[in-house]
Every structure is written in structure tokens, then in C-alpha cells.
Amino acid sequence: MEQKGKPSSATLQHSSGVSFCDRELSRLINAAIVNREFCELLLTNPARALANGYYGEWFHLTSEEQNLILSIHAASLADFAMQLTQSRQSSCPPLVTVQSWH
């Protein structure tokens, strides 16, 4: 018997890998999307953006990820995200699997 709010095996459509590091990088990009000042700081002074964090929240990035962010030179958030994505495509394998239900 299926419990309310829990998917049955019939409702499970697919799973996709989402790694911890991808989640932290997504948090960084999301902060830049919702806050123009943080976005400008990320684009012009990424070291300070990482050091300051976002509204008391810190980004839990590896040294490699921090160095990657510091190496990006972009005029727009879209360009920043594209460079970040291209650099990250194969360097961070999935650590956990997140299931989505339909």
C-alpha cells in the first residue's frame, strides 16, 4: 500500500546525478541572479565575493573550485556561468542521486 506523499515504484520516472560541488556552485550562481550587487562583485572581484559570502551564508567550495572561479573573466553572468559550466563538465562526478517523481 502506498503512503500519501511517497512515490510508488510506478511513479518513479527517472533519477539524475547531482553532486555536492554542483550544488554549491549553483548556490553561487543563484545568489548572483537574485542580487545585482553580489553579481557585480562576483564579476569584478570574485575573491571578495567568495570571502564575503552572501547574507551570512558561505560557499563551501574546494580549492580547485575557488581557483576556477578566480580564473574566470566575464563581462556578464551568462558568460561567467558558461565558462564555469564548460570547465566543470567532467571534473565533478555525481556523489548522490536525486530522484524526481511525476
N, C-alpha and C. Protein backbone atom coordinates (compact mmCIF):
# COMPACT_ATOMS: atom_id res chain seq x y z
N MET A 1 0.83 -1.18 0.00
CA MET A 1 0.00 0.00 0.00
C MET A 1 0.89 1.25 0.00
N GLU A 2 0.57 2.19 -0.84
CA GLU A 2 1.35 3.42 -0.97
C GLU A 2 0.95 4.43 0.09
N GLN A 3 1.95 5.00 0.78
CA GLN A 3 1.67 6.04 1.75
C GLN A 3 1.50 7.36 1.04
N LYS A 4 0.64 8.21 1.58
CA LYS A 4 0.42 9.53 1.00
C LYS A 4 1.72 10.33 1.03
N GLY A 5 2.07 10.96 -0.12
CA GLY A 5 3.27 11.78 -0.19
C GLY A 5 4.52 11.00 -0.57
N LYS A 6 4.44 9.68 -0.63
CA LYS A 6 5.58 8.85 -1.01
C LYS A 6 5.30 8.24 -2.38
N PRO A 7 6.27 8.27 -3.27
CA PRO A 7 6.03 7.71 -4.60
C PRO A 7 6.05 6.20 -4.58
N SER A 8 5.23 5.59 -5.39
CA SER A 8 5.30 4.15 -5.58
C SER A 8 6.30 3.90 -6.69
N SER A 9 6.68 2.66 -6.89
CA SER A 9 7.64 2.35 -7.94
C SER A 9 7.10 2.74 -9.32
N ALA A 10 5.78 2.78 -9.46
CA ALA A 10 5.19 3.15 -10.73
C ALA A 10 5.31 4.65 -11.01
N THR A 11 5.46 5.48 -9.98
CA THR A 11 5.52 6.92 -10.20
C THR A 11 6.94 7.43 -10.40
N LEU A 12 7.93 6.58 -10.12
CA LEU A 12 9.32 6.99 -10.29
C LEU A 12 9.66 7.02 -11.77
N GLN A 13 9.98 8.20 -12.29
CA GLN A 13 10.24 8.35 -13.71
C GLN A 13 11.71 8.23 -14.06
N HIS A 14 12.56 8.92 -13.33
CA HIS A 14 14.00 8.87 -13.62
C HIS A 14 14.78 9.46 -12.46
N SER A 15 16.08 9.23 -12.47
CA SER A 15 16.94 9.88 -11.48
C SER A 15 18.07 10.57 -12.22
N SER A 16 18.58 11.62 -11.60
CA SER A 16 19.69 12.34 -12.20
C SER A 16 20.73 12.58 -11.12
N GLY A 17 22.00 12.51 -11.49
CA GLY A 17 23.06 12.72 -10.52
C GLY A 17 23.27 14.19 -10.25
N VAL A 18 23.32 14.55 -8.99
CA VAL A 18 23.62 15.92 -8.59
C VAL A 18 24.69 15.83 -7.52
N SER A 19 25.83 16.42 -7.78
CA SER A 19 26.91 16.33 -6.81
C SER A 19 26.87 17.49 -5.84
N PHE A 20 27.53 17.30 -4.70
CA PHE A 20 27.61 18.35 -3.69
C PHE A 20 28.26 19.60 -4.26
N CYS A 21 29.34 19.42 -5.01
CA CYS A 21 30.04 20.60 -5.54
C CYS A 21 29.16 21.35 -6.53
N ASP A 22 28.41 20.64 -7.34
CA ASP A 22 27.50 21.33 -8.25
C ASP A 22 26.46 22.14 -7.49
N ARG A 23 26.03 21.63 -6.38
CA ARG A 23 25.03 22.34 -5.56
C ARG A 23 25.63 23.65 -5.04
N GLU A 24 26.86 23.63 -4.58
CA GLU A 24 27.48 24.85 -4.07
C GLU A 24 27.72 25.86 -5.18
N LEU A 25 28.12 25.40 -6.33
CA LEU A 25 28.30 26.31 -7.46
C LEU A 25 26.96 26.88 -7.90
N SER A 26 25.92 26.07 -7.84
CA SER A 26 24.58 26.56 -8.16
C SER A 26 24.14 27.63 -7.17
N ARG A 27 24.46 27.44 -5.90
CA ARG A 27 24.13 28.45 -4.89
C ARG A 27 24.82 29.77 -5.21
N LEU A 28 26.08 29.68 -5.64
CA LEU A 28 26.84 30.88 -6.01
C LEU A 28 26.16 31.61 -7.16
N ILE A 29 25.82 30.88 -8.21
CA ILE A 29 25.16 31.48 -9.38
C ILE A 29 23.79 32.03 -8.99
N ASN A 30 23.04 31.29 -8.19
CA ASN A 30 21.71 31.76 -7.76
C ASN A 30 21.81 33.06 -6.98
N ALA A 31 22.81 33.18 -6.12
CA ALA A 31 22.99 34.42 -5.37
C ALA A 31 23.24 35.58 -6.32
N ALA A 32 24.01 35.34 -7.37
CA ALA A 32 24.29 36.39 -8.35
C ALA A 32 23.05 36.74 -9.17
N ILE A 33 22.19 35.77 -9.39
CA ILE A 33 20.96 36.01 -10.15
C ILE A 33 20.01 36.92 -9.37
N VAL A 34 19.88 36.65 -8.08
CA VAL A 34 18.87 37.38 -7.30
C VAL A 34 19.37 38.69 -6.70
N ASN A 35 20.68 38.93 -6.74
CA ASN A 35 21.21 40.14 -6.12
C ASN A 35 22.23 40.81 -7.06
N ARG A 36 21.84 41.92 -7.61
CA ARG A 36 22.66 42.64 -8.58
C ARG A 36 24.02 43.02 -8.00
N GLU A 37 24.04 43.48 -6.75
CA GLU A 37 25.31 43.87 -6.12
C GLU A 37 26.27 42.69 -6.00
N PHE A 38 25.74 41.54 -5.56
CA PHE A 38 26.58 40.35 -5.46
C PHE A 38 27.08 39.94 -6.83
N CYS A 39 26.22 40.02 -7.82
CA CYS A 39 26.60 39.68 -9.19
C CYS A 39 27.76 40.56 -9.67
N GLU A 40 27.63 41.86 -9.47
CA GLU A 40 28.70 42.78 -9.89
C GLU A 40 30.01 42.48 -9.17
N LEU A 41 29.91 42.17 -7.88
CA LEU A 41 31.11 41.84 -7.12
C LEU A 41 31.73 40.54 -7.63
N LEU A 42 30.91 39.55 -7.91
CA LEU A 42 31.41 38.28 -8.45
C LEU A 42 32.15 38.49 -9.77
N LEU A 43 31.60 39.36 -10.61
CA LEU A 43 32.22 39.60 -11.92
C LEU A 43 33.47 40.47 -11.83
N THR A 44 33.50 41.40 -10.90
CA THR A 44 34.62 42.34 -10.83
C THR A 44 35.67 41.98 -9.79
N ASN A 45 35.25 41.31 -8.71
CA ASN A 45 36.18 40.95 -7.65
C ASN A 45 35.73 39.63 -7.03
N PRO A 46 35.91 38.52 -7.75
CA PRO A 46 35.41 37.24 -7.26
C PRO A 46 36.01 36.81 -5.93
N ALA A 47 37.25 37.18 -5.66
CA ALA A 47 37.87 36.82 -4.38
C ALA A 47 37.09 37.45 -3.22
N ARG A 48 36.72 38.70 -3.37
CA ARG A 48 35.95 39.36 -2.32
C ARG A 48 34.54 38.77 -2.23
N ALA A 49 33.93 38.46 -3.36
CA ALA A 49 32.59 37.86 -3.35
C ALA A 49 32.60 36.55 -2.58
N LEU A 50 33.62 35.72 -2.81
CA LEU A 50 33.71 34.45 -2.10
C LEU A 50 34.00 34.68 -0.62
N ALA A 51 34.88 35.63 -0.32
CA ALA A 51 35.24 35.91 1.08
C ALA A 51 34.06 36.48 1.86
N ASN A 52 33.27 37.33 1.21
CA ASN A 52 32.12 37.95 1.89
C ASN A 52 30.96 37.00 2.05
N GLY A 53 30.82 36.06 1.14
CA GLY A 53 29.65 35.19 1.16
C GLY A 53 28.42 35.97 0.73
N TYR A 54 27.26 35.42 1.06
CA TYR A 54 26.01 36.05 0.65
C TYR A 54 25.04 36.03 1.83
N TYR A 55 24.75 37.19 2.38
CA TYR A 55 23.84 37.33 3.52
C TYR A 55 24.15 36.34 4.65
N GLY A 56 25.41 36.28 5.02
CA GLY A 56 25.81 35.42 6.13
C GLY A 56 25.99 33.96 5.77
N GLU A 57 25.78 33.62 4.54
CA GLU A 57 25.96 32.24 4.07
C GLU A 57 27.30 32.15 3.34
N TRP A 58 28.04 31.09 3.59
CA TRP A 58 29.32 30.89 2.93
C TRP A 58 29.17 29.81 1.87
N PHE A 59 29.99 29.89 0.87
CA PHE A 59 30.01 28.88 -0.19
C PHE A 59 31.09 27.86 0.17
N HIS A 60 30.71 26.62 0.23
CA HIS A 60 31.61 25.53 0.62
C HIS A 60 32.26 24.95 -0.64
N LEU A 61 33.29 25.62 -1.09
CA LEU A 61 33.95 25.26 -2.34
C LEU A 61 35.32 24.67 -2.06
N THR A 62 35.74 23.76 -2.91
CA THR A 62 37.10 23.21 -2.80
C THR A 62 38.08 24.27 -3.30
N SER A 63 39.34 24.06 -3.02
CA SER A 63 40.38 24.97 -3.51
C SER A 63 40.36 25.02 -5.03
N GLU A 64 40.14 23.87 -5.66
CA GLU A 64 40.07 23.81 -7.12
C GLU A 64 38.92 24.66 -7.65
N GLU A 65 37.76 24.57 -7.01
CA GLU A 65 36.61 25.37 -7.43
C GLU A 65 36.86 26.86 -7.21
N GLN A 66 37.46 27.20 -6.09
CA GLN A 66 37.77 28.60 -5.83
C GLN A 66 38.73 29.14 -6.88
N ASN A 67 39.76 28.36 -7.19
CA ASN A 67 40.72 28.79 -8.21
C ASN A 67 40.07 28.94 -9.57
N LEU A 68 39.16 28.04 -9.88
CA LEU A 68 38.43 28.13 -11.14
C LEU A 68 37.62 29.42 -11.20
N ILE A 69 36.91 29.72 -10.14
CA ILE A 69 36.10 30.94 -10.09
C ILE A 69 36.99 32.18 -10.23
N LEU A 70 38.13 32.16 -9.55
CA LEU A 70 39.05 33.29 -9.62
C LEU A 70 39.67 33.46 -11.00
N SER A 71 39.72 32.38 -11.77
CA SER A 71 40.33 32.45 -13.10
C SER A 71 39.37 32.91 -14.19
N ILE A 72 38.09 32.97 -13.87
CA ILE A 72 37.10 33.36 -14.87
C ILE A 72 37.08 34.87 -15.03
N HIS A 73 37.12 35.32 -16.26
CA HIS A 73 37.00 36.74 -16.59
C HIS A 73 35.80 36.87 -17.51
N ALA A 74 34.72 37.42 -16.98
CA ALA A 74 33.48 37.51 -17.73
C ALA A 74 32.85 38.88 -17.55
N ALA A 75 32.20 39.36 -18.60
CA ALA A 75 31.54 40.65 -18.56
C ALA A 75 30.08 40.53 -18.12
N SER A 76 29.54 39.32 -18.17
CA SER A 76 28.14 39.12 -17.79
C SER A 76 28.02 37.82 -17.00
N LEU A 77 26.93 37.70 -16.27
CA LEU A 77 26.69 36.49 -15.51
C LEU A 77 26.50 35.30 -16.44
N ALA A 78 25.86 35.52 -17.57
CA ALA A 78 25.67 34.43 -18.54
C ALA A 78 27.02 33.91 -19.01
N ASP A 79 27.95 34.80 -19.31
CA ASP A 79 29.28 34.38 -19.74
C ASP A 79 30.02 33.68 -18.61
N PHE A 80 29.90 34.20 -17.39
CA PHE A 80 30.51 33.58 -16.23
C PHE A 80 30.01 32.14 -16.07
N ALA A 81 28.69 31.97 -16.11
CA ALA A 81 28.08 30.65 -15.95
C ALA A 81 28.51 29.70 -17.07
N MET A 82 28.61 30.21 -18.29
CA MET A 82 29.03 29.37 -19.41
C MET A 82 30.46 28.89 -19.21
N GLN A 83 31.35 29.80 -18.82
CA GLN A 83 32.74 29.41 -18.58
C GLN A 83 32.84 28.40 -17.43
N LEU A 84 32.08 28.63 -16.40
CA LEU A 84 32.08 27.73 -15.26
C LEU A 84 31.58 26.34 -15.66
N THR A 85 30.50 26.30 -16.41
CA THR A 85 29.92 25.03 -16.86
C THR A 85 30.89 24.27 -17.75
N GLN A 86 31.50 24.96 -18.68
CA GLN A 86 32.45 24.30 -19.59
C GLN A 86 33.62 23.71 -18.83
N SER A 87 34.09 24.39 -17.81
CA SER A 87 35.22 23.91 -17.02
C SER A 87 34.83 22.76 -16.11
N ARG A 88 33.58 22.69 -15.72
CA ARG A 88 33.12 21.70 -14.74
C ARG A 88 32.54 20.44 -15.34
N GLN A 89 32.39 20.37 -16.64
CA GLN A 89 31.64 19.27 -17.26
C GLN A 89 32.05 17.88 -16.79
N SER A 90 33.32 17.60 -16.70
CA SER A 90 33.71 16.25 -16.33
C SER A 90 34.53 16.18 -15.05
N SER A 91 34.75 17.30 -14.39
CA SER A 91 35.65 17.28 -13.23
C SER A 91 34.96 16.99 -11.91
N CYS A 92 33.65 16.89 -11.87
CA CYS A 92 32.96 16.65 -10.61
C CYS A 92 31.91 15.56 -10.80
N PRO A 93 32.28 14.30 -10.62
CA PRO A 93 31.32 13.21 -10.82
C PRO A 93 30.22 13.24 -9.77
N PRO A 94 29.04 12.73 -10.10
CA PRO A 94 27.94 12.72 -9.14
C PRO A 94 28.28 11.94 -7.88
N LEU A 95 27.93 12.49 -6.72
CA LEU A 95 28.14 11.82 -5.45
C LEU A 95 26.85 11.23 -4.91
N VAL A 96 25.73 11.84 -5.23
CA VAL A 96 24.43 11.36 -4.78
C VAL A 96 23.47 11.35 -5.95
N THR A 97 22.44 10.58 -5.82
CA THR A 97 21.41 10.54 -6.85
C THR A 97 20.14 11.15 -6.28
N VAL A 98 19.58 12.10 -7.01
CA VAL A 98 18.34 12.74 -6.61
C VAL A 98 17.23 12.20 -7.52
N GLN A 99 16.18 11.71 -6.92
CA GLN A 99 15.09 11.13 -7.69
C GLN A 99 14.02 12.18 -7.91
N SER A 100 13.45 12.18 -9.10
CA SER A 100 12.32 13.06 -9.35
C SER A 100 11.11 12.21 -9.67
N TRP A 101 9.96 12.69 -9.21
CA TRP A 101 8.72 11.94 -9.41
C TRP A 101 7.75 12.76 -10.22
N HIS A 102 6.98 12.06 -11.01
CA HIS A 102 5.96 12.74 -11.83
C HIS A 102 4.60 12.15 -11.54
